[in-house]
Amino acid sequence: VTALMRWNVAMYANCAKPLSEENAATQITIWAAELVNVPAYAGQKAMRKAFTVCKFPVTLADLCDQLRSIQAEYAVPVADAWNFVDDLTGSLLRRTTS
């Protein structure tokens, strides 16, 4: 999370006012709490995507939008997942009854 915040400050250095140490610590704490279950590689990918669409420093909401976008990109439709499970269990049942 600290790395993501540093990227954000560096990317928008010309348009963002500097954060005080106290505000930076507060933001890092909030972002860390909300992103606790997000793998680092996913957070980094989302931040890079946010840099391409955000004209101002990336907010936590912007980052979460990009994370949802990435998640949707890789989501397996429920019907496909069910068909896979159904095929797999059918295959296993055929093996055990043969």
Protein backbone atom coordinates (compact mmCIF):
# COMPACT_ATOMS: atom_id res chain seq x y z
CA VAL A 1 0.00 0.00 0.00
CA THR A 2 2.84 2.38 0.81
CA ALA A 3 4.30 1.72 -2.64
CA LEU A 4 0.94 2.46 -4.29
CA MET A 5 0.72 5.74 -2.39
CA ARG A 6 4.27 6.66 -3.47
CA TRP A 7 3.38 5.91 -7.10
CA ASN A 8 0.33 8.14 -6.76
CA VAL A 9 2.33 11.05 -5.33
CA ALA A 10 5.01 10.68 -8.00
CA MET A 11 2.54 10.42 -10.87
CA TYR A 12 0.59 13.51 -9.85
CA ALA A 13 3.43 15.57 -8.35
CA ASN A 14 2.59 18.60 -10.50
CA CYS A 15 -1.09 18.81 -9.59
CA ALA A 16 -1.40 17.45 -6.07
CA LYS A 17 -0.56 19.36 -2.96
CA PRO A 18 1.86 17.48 -0.71
CA LEU A 19 0.38 15.42 2.10
CA SER A 20 1.45 16.05 5.65
CA GLU A 21 3.04 13.11 7.45
CA GLU A 22 -0.12 12.75 9.54
CA ASN A 23 -2.47 12.75 6.51
CA ALA A 24 -0.23 10.32 4.64
CA ALA A 25 -0.19 7.95 7.62
CA THR A 26 -3.98 8.16 7.91
CA GLN A 27 -4.49 7.46 4.20
CA ILE A 28 -2.07 4.53 4.26
CA THR A 29 -3.92 3.06 7.27
CA ILE A 30 -7.29 3.38 5.53
CA TRP A 31 -6.06 2.01 2.20
CA ALA A 32 -4.28 -0.87 3.94
CA ALA A 33 -7.42 -1.82 5.85
CA GLU A 34 -9.57 -1.78 2.70
CA LEU A 35 -7.02 -3.58 0.51
CA VAL A 36 -5.92 -6.20 3.04
CA ASN A 37 -7.21 -9.08 0.89
CA VAL A 38 -5.94 -7.71 -2.43
CA PRO A 39 -2.77 -9.38 -3.72
CA ALA A 40 0.06 -6.90 -4.36
CA TYR A 41 0.22 -7.72 -8.08
CA ALA A 42 -3.52 -6.98 -8.46
CA GLY A 43 -3.22 -3.68 -6.60
CA GLN A 44 -0.29 -2.65 -8.77
CA LYS A 45 -2.11 -3.58 -11.97
CA ALA A 46 -5.20 -1.65 -10.83
CA MET A 47 -3.09 1.39 -9.98
CA ARG A 48 -1.45 1.37 -13.42
CA LYS A 49 -4.90 1.13 -15.04
CA ALA A 50 -6.17 3.98 -12.86
CA PHE A 51 -3.28 6.17 -14.01
CA THR A 52 -4.63 5.89 -17.57
CA VAL A 53 -8.11 7.15 -16.68
CA CYS A 54 -7.71 9.46 -13.68
CA LYS A 55 -6.82 13.10 -14.27
CA PHE A 56 -6.25 13.73 -10.57
CA PRO A 57 -4.56 11.68 -7.85
CA VAL A 58 -6.05 8.20 -7.63
CA THR A 59 -8.53 7.77 -4.81
CA LEU A 60 -9.34 4.54 -3.02
CA ALA A 61 -12.65 4.50 -4.91
CA ASP A 62 -10.80 4.82 -8.25
CA LEU A 63 -8.53 1.94 -7.30
CA CYS A 64 -11.47 -0.23 -6.24
CA ASP A 65 -13.21 0.51 -9.57
CA GLN A 66 -10.15 -0.74 -11.40
CA LEU A 67 -9.91 -3.82 -9.17
CA ARG A 68 -13.55 -4.66 -9.98
CA SER A 69 -12.81 -4.15 -13.67
CA ILE A 70 -9.87 -6.55 -13.50
CA GLN A 71 -11.95 -9.06 -11.54
CA ALA A 72 -14.73 -8.92 -14.16
CA GLU A 73 -12.17 -9.40 -16.92
CA TYR A 74 -11.12 -12.74 -15.43
CA ALA A 75 -14.45 -13.88 -14.04
CA VAL A 76 -15.69 -17.28 -15.14
CA PRO A 77 -19.39 -17.23 -16.02
CA VAL A 78 -21.39 -19.31 -13.54
CA ALA A 79 -22.81 -21.55 -16.28
CA ASP A 80 -19.30 -22.38 -17.53
CA ALA A 81 -18.10 -23.15 -14.01
CA TRP A 82 -21.14 -25.36 -13.37
CA ASN A 83 -20.63 -27.23 -16.65
CA PHE A 84 -16.99 -27.83 -15.73
CA VAL A 85 -17.96 -29.23 -12.31
CA ASP A 86 -20.73 -31.31 -13.87
CA ASP A 87 -18.37 -32.75 -16.50
CA LEU A 88 -15.71 -33.44 -13.88
CA THR A 89 -18.06 -35.22 -11.47
CA GLY A 90 -19.61 -37.20 -14.32
CA SER A 91 -16.14 -38.28 -15.40
CA LEU A 92 -15.23 -39.31 -11.86
CA LEU A 93 -18.48 -41.24 -11.43
CA ARG A 94 -17.89 -43.13 -14.67
CA ARG A 95 -14.42 -44.12 -13.48
CA THR A 96 -15.63 -45.41 -10.13
CA THR A 97 -18.48 -47.44 -11.61
CA SER A 98 -16.38 -49.01 -14.39
